[in-house]
């Protein structure tokens, strides 16, 4: 008779599926005899210019022989000054996703509900389920403990007005609203969400510092919230969760040189977005209007188009995991690179 094995872990986690993200796996590239350097990757939405030189210098000058931490308070203080909040309202993390997971751990009890919009970043629902919460749609947000809004939304590029967000905060004053501004740095007419913090202690703002500085492999983000909420999230954060290089890069990213670099990238992305929208429409594709540095494009069969482009050394984001299998998401890269993508799509359509 087989002896019953005791449950050593939470059994529901064994069926918690990973979330698909952008970029392309090495195994997939090898099947075509390619490496990451061989392809134009339109599936990742980062600064098309790459990191600013001063950020790269800061990484090279990092002292890796010490535990991280010396640069955390100066980074928090500078972020607080820029956002006109107290340093006690700022928390840095290993990417904004890291902070999102710790937020749920700090705020959600097993059995609580977490509201997530349709067709949005998949990690909200996965993290909620990981802490034992029930995931519901925004139409059932009234009893939810936490609400997630991606601003601008990934993958649609929709950008809500300040009045929309403030109205939602007022409707749910006893529930946390997490406003994920990972791509907000690329929005041309951006409104300052941090100004809502004083009147709405139920607001949490998440921001990435790796999208606008093209450092997704480094991982760095920050959280803005009321002091008690930030303190609770900090209480569940493990020690040294932000590495020394990321902290140094974060300080460099706030310098005028780096901010001008991001401004230039924002202008390039806006020009490429207009170009791609025009040319994709000319080719007969349906393009969703976007305020972000990426476009959602209805191509009829997202996975098929992605497969067709890969041998041509182009990668786009298949949006099946967002519940949009007819669509792909395309990043707004340099204009010349976007022209190469359009040429490849013309060739695909001729086949």
C-alpha atoms as a PDB file:
ATOM      1  CA  UNK A   1       0.000   0.000   0.000  1.00  0.00           C
ATOM      2  CA  UNK A   2       1.341   3.419  -0.960  1.00  0.00           C
ATOM      3  CA  UNK A   3       1.843   5.729   1.953  1.00  0.00           C
ATOM      4  CA  UNK A   4       0.159   9.106   1.476  1.00  0.00           C
ATOM      5  CA  UNK A   5       2.693  11.876   0.948  1.00  0.00           C
ATOM      6  CA  UNK A   6       1.963  14.854   3.202  1.00  0.00           C
ATOM      7  CA  UNK A   7       1.273  18.210   1.591  1.00  0.00           C
ATOM      8  CA  UNK A   8       4.580  19.996   1.974  1.00  0.00           C
ATOM      9  CA  UNK A   9       3.498  23.010  -0.068  1.00  0.00           C
ATOM     10  CA  UNK A  10       0.221  24.691  -0.893  1.00  0.00           C
ATOM     11  CA  UNK A  11      -1.211  22.345  -3.542  1.00  0.00           C
ATOM     12  CA  UNK A  12      -3.012  25.091  -5.474  1.00  0.00           C
ATOM     13  CA  UNK A  13       0.343  26.645  -6.340  1.00  0.00           C
ATOM     14  CA  UNK A  14       1.338  23.555  -8.316  1.00  0.00           C
ATOM     15  CA  UNK A  15      -1.182  24.508 -10.993  1.00  0.00           C
ATOM     16  CA  UNK A  16      -0.372  28.236 -11.005  1.00  0.00           C
ATOM     17  CA  UNK A  17       0.776  28.789 -14.573  1.00  0.00           C
ATOM     18  CA  UNK A  18       3.514  31.286 -15.470  1.00  0.00           C
ATOM     19  CA  UNK A  19       2.602  34.405 -17.421  1.00  0.00           C
ATOM     20  CA  UNK A  20       3.870  34.892 -20.972  1.00  0.00           C
ATOM     21  CA  UNK A  21       5.948  38.034 -21.469  1.00  0.00           C
ATOM     22  CA  UNK A  22       7.722  39.778 -24.322  1.00  0.00           C
ATOM     23  CA  UNK A  23      11.034  38.940 -25.971  1.00  0.00           C
ATOM     24  CA  UNK A  24      11.998  35.587 -27.446  1.00  0.00           C
ATOM     25  CA  UNK A  25      13.557  32.471 -25.929  1.00  0.00           C
ATOM     26  CA  UNK A  26      17.039  31.346 -26.926  1.00  0.00           C
ATOM     27  CA  UNK A  27      15.685  27.918 -27.872  1.00  0.00           C
ATOM     28  CA  UNK A  28      13.240  29.492 -30.311  1.00  0.00           C
ATOM     29  CA  UNK A  29      16.005  31.545 -31.897  1.00  0.00           C
ATOM     30  CA  UNK A  30      18.366  28.568 -32.183  1.00  0.00           C
ATOM     31  CA  UNK A  31      15.745  26.723 -34.213  1.00  0.00           C
ATOM     32  CA  UNK A  32      16.271  29.418 -36.867  1.00  0.00           C
ATOM     33  CA  UNK A  33      20.033  29.637 -36.397  1.00  0.00           C
ATOM     34  CA  UNK A  34      19.715  33.034 -34.727  1.00  0.00           C
ATOM     35  CA  UNK A  35      20.958  34.750 -31.558  1.00  0.00           C
ATOM     36  CA  UNK A  36      19.391  37.739 -29.735  1.00  0.00           C
ATOM     37  CA  UNK A  37      21.835  40.048 -31.541  1.00  0.00           C
ATOM     38  CA  UNK A  38      20.494  38.872 -34.917  1.00  0.00           C
ATOM     39  CA  UNK A  39      16.905  40.033 -34.437  1.00  0.00           C
ATOM     40  CA  UNK A  40      14.989  43.277 -34.128  1.00  0.00           C
ATOM     41  CA  UNK A  41      12.867  42.745 -31.030  1.00  0.00           C
ATOM     42  CA  UNK A  42       9.588  44.671 -31.239  1.00  0.00           C
ATOM     43  CA  UNK A  43       8.102  42.591 -28.417  1.00  0.00           C
ATOM     44  CA  UNK A  44       9.873  44.512 -25.617  1.00  0.00           C
ATOM     45  CA  UNK A  45       8.788  48.100 -24.921  1.00  0.00           C
ATOM     46  CA  UNK A  46      11.890  49.914 -23.725  1.00  0.00           C
ATOM     47  CA  UNK A  47      13.799  53.079 -24.586  1.00  0.00           C
ATOM     48  CA  UNK A  48      14.742  52.733 -28.295  1.00  0.00           C
ATOM     49  CA  UNK A  49      18.019  54.569 -27.644  1.00  0.00           C
ATOM     50  CA  UNK A  50      19.232  52.140 -24.990  1.00  0.00           C
ATOM     51  CA  UNK A  51      20.555  53.289 -21.594  1.00  0.00           C
ATOM     52  CA  UNK A  52      21.938  56.803 -21.177  1.00  0.00           C
ATOM     53  CA  UNK A  53      25.770  56.892 -21.093  1.00  0.00           C
ATOM     54  CA  UNK A  54      25.774  58.229 -17.524  1.00  0.00           C
ATOM     55  CA  UNK A  55      23.637  55.267 -16.393  1.00  0.00           C
ATOM     56  CA  UNK A  56      26.033  52.837 -18.027  1.00  0.00           C
ATOM     57  CA  UNK A  57      28.972  54.565 -16.349  1.00  0.00           C
ATOM     58  CA  UNK A  58      27.276  54.250 -12.963  1.00  0.00           C
ATOM     59  CA  UNK A  59      26.921  50.510 -13.494  1.00  0.00           C
ATOM     60  CA  UNK A  60      30.590  50.171 -14.426  1.00  0.00           C
ATOM     61  CA  UNK A  61      31.623  52.086 -11.302  1.00  0.00           C
ATOM     62  CA  UNK A  62      29.516  49.993  -8.902  1.00  0.00           C
ATOM     63  CA  UNK A  63      31.311  48.434  -5.945  1.00  0.00           C
ATOM     64  CA  UNK A  64      30.064  44.854  -6.069  1.00  0.00           C
ATOM     65  CA  UNK A  65      32.095  43.872  -2.996  1.00  0.00           C
ATOM     66  CA  UNK A  66      29.659  45.497  -0.556  1.00  0.00           C
ATOM     67  CA  UNK A  67      26.106  44.646   0.369  1.00  0.00           C
ATOM     68  CA  UNK A  68      23.620  46.973  -1.321  1.00  0.00           C
ATOM     69  CA  UNK A  69      21.925  49.592   0.787  1.00  0.00           C
ATOM     70  CA  UNK A  70      24.201  52.629   1.002  1.00  0.00           C
ATOM     71  CA  UNK A  71      22.563  54.158  -2.065  1.00  0.00           C
ATOM     72  CA  UNK A  72      18.979  53.227  -1.202  1.00  0.00           C
ATOM     73  CA  UNK A  73      18.195  56.179   1.078  1.00  0.00           C
ATOM     74  CA  UNK A  74      19.721  58.764  -1.311  1.00  0.00           C
ATOM     75  CA  UNK A  75      17.676  57.272  -4.155  1.00  0.00           C
ATOM     76  CA  UNK A  76      14.485  57.333  -2.090  1.00  0.00           C
ATOM     77  CA  UNK A  77      15.193  60.932  -1.037  1.00  0.00           C
ATOM     78  CA  UNK A  78      15.697  62.076  -4.622  1.00  0.00           C
ATOM     79  CA  UNK A  79      12.563  60.273  -5.793  1.00  0.00           C
ATOM     80  CA  UNK A  80      10.642  61.879  -2.927  1.00  0.00           C
ATOM     81  CA  UNK A  81      11.879  65.339  -3.895  1.00  0.00           C
ATOM     82  CA  UNK A  82      10.981  64.839  -7.573  1.00  0.00           C
ATOM     83  CA  UNK A  83       7.478  63.637  -6.673  1.00  0.00           C
ATOM     84  CA  UNK A  84       6.939  66.159  -3.850  1.00  0.00           C
ATOM     85  CA  UNK A  85       6.315  63.503  -1.196  1.00  0.00           C
ATOM     86  CA  UNK A  86       8.058  62.359   1.972  1.00  0.00           C
ATOM     87  CA  UNK A  87      10.911  59.847   1.719  1.00  0.00           C
ATOM     88  CA  UNK A  88       8.746  57.625   3.958  1.00  0.00           C
ATOM     89  CA  UNK A  89       6.259  57.388   1.098  1.00  0.00           C
ATOM     90  CA  UNK A  90       8.825  55.932  -1.308  1.00  0.00           C
ATOM     91  CA  UNK A  91       9.962  52.324  -1.585  1.00  0.00           C
ATOM     92  CA  UNK A  92      12.338  50.918  -4.191  1.00  0.00           C
ATOM     93  CA  UNK A  93      12.137  47.391  -5.512  1.00  0.00           C
ATOM     94  CA  UNK A  94      13.594  44.836  -7.891  1.00  0.00           C
ATOM     95  CA  UNK A  95      11.395  46.164 -10.668  1.00  0.00           C
ATOM     96  CA  UNK A  96       7.825  47.409 -10.298  1.00  0.00           C
ATOM     97  CA  UNK A  97       6.587  43.801 -10.546  1.00  0.00           C
ATOM     98  CA  UNK A  98       8.511  42.988  -7.373  1.00  0.00           C
ATOM     99  CA  UNK A  99       6.736  45.805  -5.536  1.00  0.00           C
ATOM    100  CA  UNK A 100       3.379  44.668  -6.876  1.00  0.00           C
ATOM    101  CA  UNK A 101       3.874  41.200  -5.379  1.00  0.00           C
ATOM    102  CA  UNK A 102       4.929  42.657  -1.995  1.00  0.00           C
ATOM    103  CA  UNK A 103       1.930  44.997  -2.047  1.00  0.00           C
ATOM    104  CA  UNK A 104      -0.431  42.044  -2.340  1.00  0.00           C
ATOM    105  CA  UNK A 105       1.404  40.173   0.394  1.00  0.00           C
ATOM    106  CA  UNK A 106       1.018  43.205   2.671  1.00  0.00           C
ATOM    107  CA  UNK A 107      -2.626  43.937   1.875  1.00  0.00           C
ATOM    108  CA  UNK A 108      -4.452  40.750   0.897  1.00  0.00           C
ATOM    109  CA  UNK A 109      -5.684  37.913   3.084  1.00  0.00           C
ATOM    110  CA  UNK A 110      -6.578  34.466   1.682  1.00  0.00           C
ATOM    111  CA  UNK A 111     -10.111  34.596   0.314  1.00  0.00           C
ATOM    112  CA  UNK A 112     -10.067  38.336  -0.444  1.00  0.00           C
ATOM    113  CA  UNK A 113     -10.882  39.407  -3.982  1.00  0.00           C
ATOM    114  CA  UNK A 114      -8.594  41.404  -6.269  1.00  0.00           C
ATOM    115  CA  UNK A 115     -10.067  43.271  -9.256  1.00  0.00           C
ATOM    116  CA  UNK A 116      -8.192  43.193 -12.557  1.00  0.00           C
ATOM    117  CA  UNK A 117      -9.294  44.730 -15.852  1.00  0.00           C
ATOM    118  CA  UNK A 118      -9.755  42.621 -18.957  1.00  0.00           C
ATOM    119  CA  UNK A 119      -6.847  42.459 -21.458  1.00  0.00           C
ATOM    120  CA  UNK A 120      -4.067  43.717 -19.215  1.00  0.00           C
ATOM    121  CA  UNK A 121      -0.721  42.732 -17.681  1.00  0.00           C
ATOM    122  CA  UNK A 122      -0.971  39.111 -16.580  1.00  0.00           C
ATOM    123  CA  UNK A 123       1.133  39.304 -13.412  1.00  0.00           C
ATOM    124  CA  UNK A 124      -1.658  41.079 -11.480  1.00  0.00           C
ATOM    125  CA  UNK A 125      -3.879  38.010 -11.582  1.00  0.00           C
ATOM    126  CA  UNK A 126      -1.035  35.550 -11.046  1.00  0.00           C
ATOM    127  CA  UNK A 127       0.309  37.394  -7.992  1.00  0.00           C
ATOM    128  CA  UNK A 128      -3.193  37.701  -6.549  1.00  0.00           C
ATOM    129  CA  UNK A 129      -3.766  33.959  -6.882  1.00  0.00           C
ATOM    130  CA  UNK A 130      -0.350  33.267  -5.367  1.00  0.00           C
ATOM    131  CA  UNK A 131      -1.406  34.968  -2.107  1.00  0.00           C
ATOM    132  CA  UNK A 132      -4.724  33.107  -2.049  1.00  0.00           C
ATOM    133  CA  UNK A 133      -6.974  35.834  -3.439  1.00  0.00           C
ATOM    134  CA  UNK A 134      -9.871  35.456  -5.849  1.00  0.00           C
ATOM    135  CA  UNK A 135      -9.456  37.380  -9.104  1.00  0.00           C
ATOM    136  CA  UNK A 136     -12.543  39.256 -10.319  1.00  0.00           C
ATOM    137  CA  UNK A 137     -13.260  41.655 -13.167  1.00  0.00           C
ATOM    138  CA  UNK A 138     -13.532  45.397 -12.702  1.00  0.00           C
ATOM    139  CA  UNK A 139     -17.320  45.151 -12.910  1.00  0.00           C
ATOM    140  CA  UNK A 140     -17.138  43.330  -9.552  1.00  0.00           C
ATOM    141  CA  UNK A 141     -14.666  45.779  -8.001  1.00  0.00           C
ATOM    142  CA  UNK A 142     -16.910  46.985  -5.177  1.00  0.00           C
ATOM    143  CA  UNK A 143     -16.034  44.169  -2.731  1.00  0.00           C
ATOM    144  CA  UNK A 144     -12.424  43.811  -3.909  1.00  0.00           C
ATOM    145  CA  UNK A 145      -9.603  44.405  -1.452  1.00  0.00           C
ATOM    146  CA  UNK A 146      -7.247  45.687  -4.192  1.00  0.00           C
ATOM    147  CA  UNK A 147      -7.869  47.073  -7.690  1.00  0.00           C
ATOM    148  CA  UNK A 148      -5.194  47.123 -10.399  1.00  0.00           C
ATOM    149  CA  UNK A 149      -5.055  49.686 -13.206  1.00  0.00           C
ATOM    150  CA  UNK A 150      -2.276  49.644 -15.789  1.00  0.00           C
ATOM    151  CA  UNK A 151      -1.683  53.258 -16.855  1.00  0.00           C
ATOM    152  CA  UNK A 152      -1.181  53.343 -19.834  1.00  0.00           C
ATOM    153  CA  UNK A 153      -2.615  49.891 -20.238  1.00  0.00           C
ATOM    154  CA  UNK A 154      -0.485  47.049 -21.545  1.00  0.00           C
ATOM    155  CA  UNK A 155      -1.175  45.992 -24.338  1.00  0.00           C
ATOM    156  CA  UNK A 156      -3.838  48.469 -25.538  1.00  0.00           C
ATOM    157  CA  UNK A 157      -2.022  51.739 -24.770  1.00  0.00           C
ATOM    158  CA  UNK A 158      -5.185  53.270 -23.256  1.00  0.00           C
ATOM    159  CA  UNK A 159      -4.403  56.168 -20.903  1.00  0.00           C
ATOM    160  CA  UNK A 160      -7.041  57.196 -18.358  1.00  0.00           C
ATOM    161  CA  UNK A 161      -7.619  60.801 -17.382  1.00  0.00           C
ATOM    162  CA  UNK A 162      -6.913  62.080 -13.895  1.00  0.00           C
ATOM    163  CA  UNK A 163     -10.636  62.602 -13.387  1.00  0.00           C
ATOM    164  CA  UNK A 164     -11.312  58.937 -14.202  1.00  0.00           C
ATOM    165  CA  UNK A 165      -8.743  57.715 -11.683  1.00  0.00           C
ATOM    166  CA  UNK A 166      -9.840  60.170  -8.979  1.00  0.00           C
ATOM    167  CA  UNK A 167     -13.451  59.116  -9.455  1.00  0.00           C
ATOM    168  CA  UNK A 168     -12.480  55.467  -8.975  1.00  0.00           C
ATOM    169  CA  UNK A 169     -10.484  56.350  -5.852  1.00  0.00           C
ATOM    170  CA  UNK A 170     -13.504  58.129  -4.409  1.00  0.00           C
ATOM    171  CA  UNK A 171     -15.807  55.201  -5.141  1.00  0.00           C
ATOM    172  CA  UNK A 172     -13.509  52.771  -3.303  1.00  0.00           C
ATOM    173  CA  UNK A 173     -11.950  54.715  -0.377  1.00  0.00           C
ATOM    174  CA  UNK A 174     -11.602  51.587   1.791  1.00  0.00           C
ATOM    175  CA  UNK A 175      -9.808  49.609  -0.926  1.00  0.00           C
ATOM    176  CA  UNK A 176      -6.352  49.994  -2.398  1.00  0.00           C
ATOM    177  CA  UNK A 177      -6.077  51.181  -5.987  1.00  0.00           C
ATOM    178  CA  UNK A 178      -2.730  50.197  -7.506  1.00  0.00           C
ATOM    179  CA  UNK A 179      -1.901  52.451 -10.454  1.00  0.00           C
ATOM    180  CA  UNK A 180       0.851  50.781 -12.475  1.00  0.00           C
ATOM    181  CA  UNK A 181       2.655  53.519 -14.436  1.00  0.00           C
ATOM    182  CA  UNK A 182       5.389  51.300 -15.886  1.00  0.00           C
ATOM    183  CA  UNK A 183       5.111  52.984 -19.298  1.00  0.00           C
ATOM    184  CA  UNK A 184       3.972  56.443 -18.217  1.00  0.00           C
ATOM    185  CA  UNK A 185       7.362  57.999 -19.038  1.00  0.00           C
ATOM    186  CA  UNK A 186       6.529  57.598 -22.737  1.00  0.00           C
ATOM    187  CA  UNK A 187       3.175  59.436 -22.536  1.00  0.00           C
ATOM    188  CA  UNK A 188       3.406  62.858 -24.177  1.00  0.00           C
ATOM    189  CA  UNK A 189       0.592  64.540 -22.210  1.00  0.00           C
ATOM    190  CA  UNK A 190       1.050  62.868 -18.858  1.00  0.00           C
ATOM    191  CA  UNK A 191      -0.794  64.069 -15.779  1.00  0.00           C
ATOM    192  CA  UNK A 192       0.946  63.872 -12.356  1.00  0.00           C
ATOM    193  CA  UNK A 193      -0.683  60.975 -10.487  1.00  0.00           C
ATOM    194  CA  UNK A 194       1.474  61.636  -7.417  1.00  0.00           C
ATOM    195  CA  UNK A 195      -0.616  64.757  -6.714  1.00  0.00           C
ATOM    196  CA  UNK A 196      -3.530  62.490  -5.779  1.00  0.00           C
ATOM    197  CA  UNK A 197      -1.638  60.854  -2.892  1.00  0.00           C
ATOM    198  CA  UNK A 198      -2.324  63.606  -0.342  1.00  0.00           C
ATOM    199  CA  UNK A 199      -6.104  63.312  -0.706  1.00  0.00           C
ATOM    200  CA  UNK A 200      -6.273  59.570  -1.335  1.00  0.00           C
ATOM    201  CA  UNK A 201      -4.352  57.353   1.125  1.00  0.00           C
ATOM    202  CA  UNK A 202      -5.793  54.306  -0.688  1.00  0.00           C
ATOM    203  CA  UNK A 203      -3.655  55.034  -3.779  1.00  0.00           C
ATOM    204  CA  UNK A 204      -0.453  53.165  -4.628  1.00  0.00           C
ATOM    205  CA  UNK A 205       1.604  54.216  -7.638  1.00  0.00           C
ATOM    206  CA  UNK A 206       4.090  51.781  -9.184  1.00  0.00           C
ATOM    207  CA  UNK A 207       6.757  53.013 -11.582  1.00  0.00           C
ATOM    208  CA  UNK A 208       9.446  51.219 -13.527  1.00  0.00           C
ATOM    209  CA  UNK A 209      12.888  52.746 -13.997  1.00  0.00           C
ATOM    210  CA  UNK A 210      13.968  50.080 -16.465  1.00  0.00           C
ATOM    211  CA  UNK A 211      11.508  50.705 -19.318  1.00  0.00           C
ATOM    212  CA  UNK A 212      12.457  54.357 -19.846  1.00  0.00           C
ATOM    213  CA  UNK A 213      16.169  53.594 -19.328  1.00  0.00           C
ATOM    214  CA  UNK A 214      16.260  50.322 -21.337  1.00  0.00           C
ATOM    215  CA  UNK A 215      17.455  48.195 -18.406  1.00  0.00           C
ATOM    216  CA  UNK A 216      14.896  45.364 -18.147  1.00  0.00           C
ATOM    217  CA  UNK A 217      17.636  42.902 -17.245  1.00  0.00           C
ATOM    218  CA  UNK A 218      18.750  45.043 -14.296  1.00  0.00           C
ATOM    219  CA  UNK A 219      15.344  45.371 -12.547  1.00  0.00           C
ATOM    220  CA  UNK A 220      14.507  48.588 -10.731  1.00  0.00           C
ATOM    221  CA  UNK A 221      11.249  50.299  -9.847  1.00  0.00           C
ATOM    222  CA  UNK A 222       9.661  52.309  -7.080  1.00  0.00           C
ATOM    223  CA  UNK A 223       6.405  52.674  -5.173  1.00  0.00           C
ATOM    224  CA  UNK A 224       4.663  55.835  -3.977  1.00  0.00           C
ATOM    225  CA  UNK A 225       1.999  55.534  -1.280  1.00  0.00           C
ATOM    226  CA  UNK A 226       0.870  56.930   2.047  1.00  0.00           C
ATOM    227  CA  UNK A 227       3.446  56.407   4.788  1.00  0.00           C
ATOM    228  CA  UNK A 228       1.521  53.604   6.589  1.00  0.00           C
ATOM    229  CA  UNK A 229       0.974  51.685   3.349  1.00  0.00           C
ATOM    230  CA  UNK A 230       4.592  52.081   2.261  1.00  0.00           C
ATOM    231  CA  UNK A 231       5.732  50.966   5.720  1.00  0.00           C
ATOM    232  CA  UNK A 232       3.566  47.824   5.534  1.00  0.00           C
ATOM    233  CA  UNK A 233       4.922  46.897   2.114  1.00  0.00           C
ATOM    234  CA  UNK A 234       8.466  47.508   3.368  1.00  0.00           C
ATOM    235  CA  UNK A 235       7.805  45.146   6.276  1.00  0.00           C
ATOM    236  CA  UNK A 236       7.313  42.146   3.957  1.00  0.00           C
ATOM    237  CA  UNK A 237      10.137  43.028   1.577  1.00  0.00           C
ATOM    238  CA  UNK A 238      13.200  40.783   1.901  1.00  0.00           C
ATOM    239  CA  UNK A 239      16.564  42.395   2.674  1.00  0.00           C
ATOM    240  CA  UNK A 240      18.888  43.473  -0.155  1.00  0.00           C
ATOM    241  CA  UNK A 241      16.200  42.926  -2.791  1.00  0.00           C
ATOM    242  CA  UNK A 242      17.634  45.743  -4.948  1.00  0.00           C
ATOM    243  CA  UNK A 243      21.190  45.126  -6.062  1.00  0.00           C
ATOM    244  CA  UNK A 244      23.990  47.693  -5.748  1.00  0.00           C
ATOM    245  CA  UNK A 245      24.219  48.271  -9.501  1.00  0.00           C
ATOM    246  CA  UNK A 246      20.513  48.996  -9.796  1.00  0.00           C
ATOM    247  CA  UNK A 247      20.691  51.528  -6.971  1.00  0.00           C
ATOM    248  CA  UNK A 248      23.638  53.300  -8.613  1.00  0.00           C
ATOM    249  CA  UNK A 249      21.880  53.242 -11.983  1.00  0.00           C
ATOM    250  CA  UNK A 250      18.757  54.663 -10.356  1.00  0.00           C
ATOM    251  CA  UNK A 251      20.648  57.647  -8.993  1.00  0.00           C
ATOM    252  CA  UNK A 252      22.232  58.269 -12.394  1.00  0.00           C
ATOM    253  CA  UNK A 253      18.829  57.955 -14.101  1.00  0.00           C
ATOM    254  CA  UNK A 254      17.582  60.991 -12.177  1.00  0.00           C
ATOM    255  CA  UNK A 255      20.329  63.320 -13.427  1.00  0.00           C
ATOM    256  CA  UNK A 256      19.553  65.983 -16.060  1.00  0.00           C
ATOM    257  CA  UNK A 257      21.663  64.103 -18.641  1.00  0.00           C
ATOM    258  CA  UNK A 258      19.593  60.946 -18.250  1.00  0.00           C
ATOM    259  CA  UNK A 259      16.303  62.819 -18.220  1.00  0.00           C
ATOM    260  CA  UNK A 260      17.168  64.555 -21.508  1.00  0.00           C
ATOM    261  CA  UNK A 261      17.987  61.117 -22.906  1.00  0.00           C
ATOM    262  CA  UNK A 262      14.512  59.886 -21.951  1.00  0.00           C
ATOM    263  CA  UNK A 263      12.886  63.007 -23.400  1.00  0.00           C
ATOM    264  CA  UNK A 264      14.635  62.362 -26.717  1.00  0.00           C
ATOM    265  CA  UNK A 265      13.494  58.738 -26.646  1.00  0.00           C
ATOM    266  CA  UNK A 266       9.910  59.835 -25.942  1.00  0.00           C
ATOM    267  CA  UNK A 267       9.993  62.048 -29.045  1.00  0.00           C
ATOM    268  CA  UNK A 268      11.424  59.225 -31.160  1.00  0.00           C
ATOM    269  CA  UNK A 269       8.787  56.804 -29.894  1.00  0.00           C
ATOM    270  CA  UNK A 270       6.017  59.282 -30.693  1.00  0.00           C
ATOM    271  CA  UNK A 271       7.317  59.738 -34.245  1.00  0.00           C
ATOM    272  CA  UNK A 272       7.601  55.965 -34.726  1.00  0.00           C
ATOM    273  CA  UNK A 273       4.123  55.431 -33.295  1.00  0.00           C
ATOM    274  CA  UNK A 274       2.653  57.839 -35.845  1.00  0.00           C
ATOM    275  CA  UNK A 275       4.630  56.211 -38.665  1.00  0.00           C
ATOM    276  CA  UNK A 276       3.676  52.664 -37.668  1.00  0.00           C
ATOM    277  CA  UNK A 277       0.014  53.596 -37.237  1.00  0.00           C
ATOM    278  CA  UNK A 278      -0.093  55.116 -40.707  1.00  0.00           C
ATOM    279  CA  UNK A 279       1.782  52.298 -42.444  1.00  0.00           C
ATOM    280  CA  UNK A 280       0.059  49.431 -40.637  1.00  0.00           C
ATOM    281  CA  UNK A 281      -3.308  50.954 -41.503  1.00  0.00           C
ATOM    282  CA  UNK A 282      -2.192  51.250 -45.139  1.00  0.00           C
ATOM    283  CA  UNK A 283      -1.392  47.524 -45.087  1.00  0.00           C
ATOM    284  CA  UNK A 284      -4.941  46.780 -43.969  1.00  0.00           C
ATOM    285  CA  UNK A 285      -4.339  46.119 -40.281  1.00  0.00           C
ATOM    286  CA  UNK A 286      -6.504  47.589 -37.509  1.00  0.00           C
ATOM    287  CA  UNK A 287      -4.453  49.659 -35.028  1.00  0.00           C
ATOM    288  CA  UNK A 288      -5.724  50.619 -31.569  1.00  0.00           C
ATOM    289  CA  UNK A 289      -4.967  54.286 -30.709  1.00  0.00           C
ATOM    290  CA  UNK A 290      -2.213  54.338 -28.088  1.00  0.00           C
ATOM    291  CA  UNK A 291      -0.648  56.868 -25.728  1.00  0.00           C
ATOM    292  CA  UNK A 292       2.233  54.506 -24.961  1.00  0.00           C
ATOM    293  CA  UNK A 293       5.421  53.431 -26.762  1.00  0.00           C
ATOM    294  CA  UNK A 294       3.705  50.386 -28.277  1.00  0.00           C
ATOM    295  CA  UNK A 295       0.725  49.567 -30.475  1.00  0.00           C
ATOM    296  CA  UNK A 296      -1.901  46.832 -30.345  1.00  0.00           C
ATOM    297  CA  UNK A 297      -2.529  45.640 -33.890  1.00  0.00           C
ATOM    298  CA  UNK A 298      -5.269  43.284 -35.073  1.00  0.00           C
ATOM    299  CA  UNK A 299      -3.605  41.086 -37.711  1.00  0.00           C
ATOM    300  CA  UNK A 300      -6.161  38.256 -37.766  1.00  0.00           C
ATOM    301  CA  UNK A 301      -3.821  35.614 -36.294  1.00  0.00           C
ATOM    302  CA  UNK A 302      -1.184  36.882 -33.849  1.00  0.00           C
ATOM    303  CA  UNK A 303       0.773  33.628 -33.383  1.00  0.00           C
ATOM    304  CA  UNK A 304       0.922  33.025 -37.147  1.00  0.00           C
ATOM    305  CA  UNK A 305       2.289  36.494 -37.864  1.00  0.00           C
ATOM    306  CA  UNK A 306       4.893  36.148 -35.142  1.00  0.00           C
ATOM    307  CA  UNK A 307       6.035  32.811 -36.611  1.00  0.00           C
ATOM    308  CA  UNK A 308       6.181  34.315 -40.106  1.00  0.00           C
ATOM    309  CA  UNK A 309       8.338  37.248 -38.994  1.00  0.00           C
ATOM    310  CA  UNK A 310      10.846  35.297 -36.909  1.00  0.00           C
ATOM    311  CA  UNK A 311      12.793  33.796 -39.875  1.00  0.00           C
ATOM    312  CA  UNK A 312      12.960  37.373 -41.183  1.00  0.00           C
ATOM    313  CA  UNK A 313      14.731  38.343 -37.949  1.00  0.00           C
ATOM    314  CA  UNK A 314      11.796  40.283 -36.511  1.00  0.00           C
ATOM    315  CA  UNK A 315      10.022  39.568 -33.212  1.00  0.00           C
ATOM    316  CA  UNK A 316       6.588  40.917 -32.274  1.00  0.00           C
ATOM    317  CA  UNK A 317       4.513  40.142 -29.184  1.00  0.00           C
ATOM    318  CA  UNK A 318       1.790  37.559 -29.744  1.00  0.00           C
ATOM    319  CA  UNK A 319      -1.121  38.777 -27.596  1.00  0.00           C
ATOM    320  CA  UNK A 320      -2.831  35.420 -27.049  1.00  0.00           C
ATOM    321  CA  UNK A 321      -1.877  35.509 -23.365  1.00  0.00           C
ATOM    322  CA  UNK A 322      -3.775  38.803 -23.047  1.00  0.00           C
ATOM    323  CA  UNK A 323      -6.911  37.104 -24.415  1.00  0.00           C
ATOM    324  CA  UNK A 324      -6.344  38.744 -27.815  1.00  0.00           C
ATOM    325  CA  UNK A 325      -5.188  35.940 -30.155  1.00  0.00           C
ATOM    326  CA  UNK A 326      -5.944  37.981 -33.274  1.00  0.00           C
ATOM    327  CA  UNK A 327      -3.484  40.685 -32.201  1.00  0.00           C
ATOM    328  CA  UNK A 328       0.183  41.449 -31.835  1.00  0.00           C
ATOM    329  CA  UNK A 329       1.840  44.207 -29.825  1.00  0.00           C
ATOM    330  CA  UNK A 330       4.557  46.206 -31.578  1.00  0.00           C
ATOM    331  CA  UNK A 331       7.076  48.428 -29.776  1.00  0.00           C
ATOM    332  CA  UNK A 332       7.914  51.852 -31.187  1.00  0.00           C
ATOM    333  CA  UNK A 333      11.606  51.474 -31.975  1.00  0.00           C
ATOM    334  CA  UNK A 334      13.882  53.727 -34.053  1.00  0.00           C
ATOM    335  CA  UNK A 335      12.285  54.981 -37.263  1.00  0.00           C
ATOM    336  CA  UNK A 336      14.707  53.058 -39.522  1.00  0.00           C
ATOM    337  CA  UNK A 337      13.969  49.849 -37.624  1.00  0.00           C
ATOM    338  CA  UNK A 338      10.229  50.438 -37.945  1.00  0.00           C
ATOM    339  CA  UNK A 339      10.700  50.878 -41.691  1.00  0.00           C
ATOM    340  CA  UNK A 340      12.392  47.469 -41.815  1.00  0.00           C
ATOM    341  CA  UNK A 341       9.424  45.943 -39.991  1.00  0.00           C
ATOM    342  CA  UNK A 342       6.946  47.461 -42.445  1.00  0.00           C
ATOM    343  CA  UNK A 343       8.993  46.103 -45.351  1.00  0.00           C
ATOM    344  CA  UNK A 344       8.941  42.649 -43.757  1.00  0.00           C
ATOM    345  CA  UNK A 345       5.183  42.836 -43.242  1.00  0.00           C
ATOM    346  CA  UNK A 346       4.695  43.806 -46.878  1.00  0.00           C
ATOM    347  CA  UNK A 347       6.652  40.708 -47.850  1.00  0.00           C
ATOM    348  CA  UNK A 348       4.586  38.516 -45.510  1.00  0.00           C
ATOM    349  CA  UNK A 349       1.371  39.850 -47.037  1.00  0.00           C
ATOM    350  CA  UNK A 350       2.590  39.048 -50.568  1.00  0.00           C
ATOM    351  CA  UNK A 351       3.119  35.362 -49.701  1.00  0.00           C
END
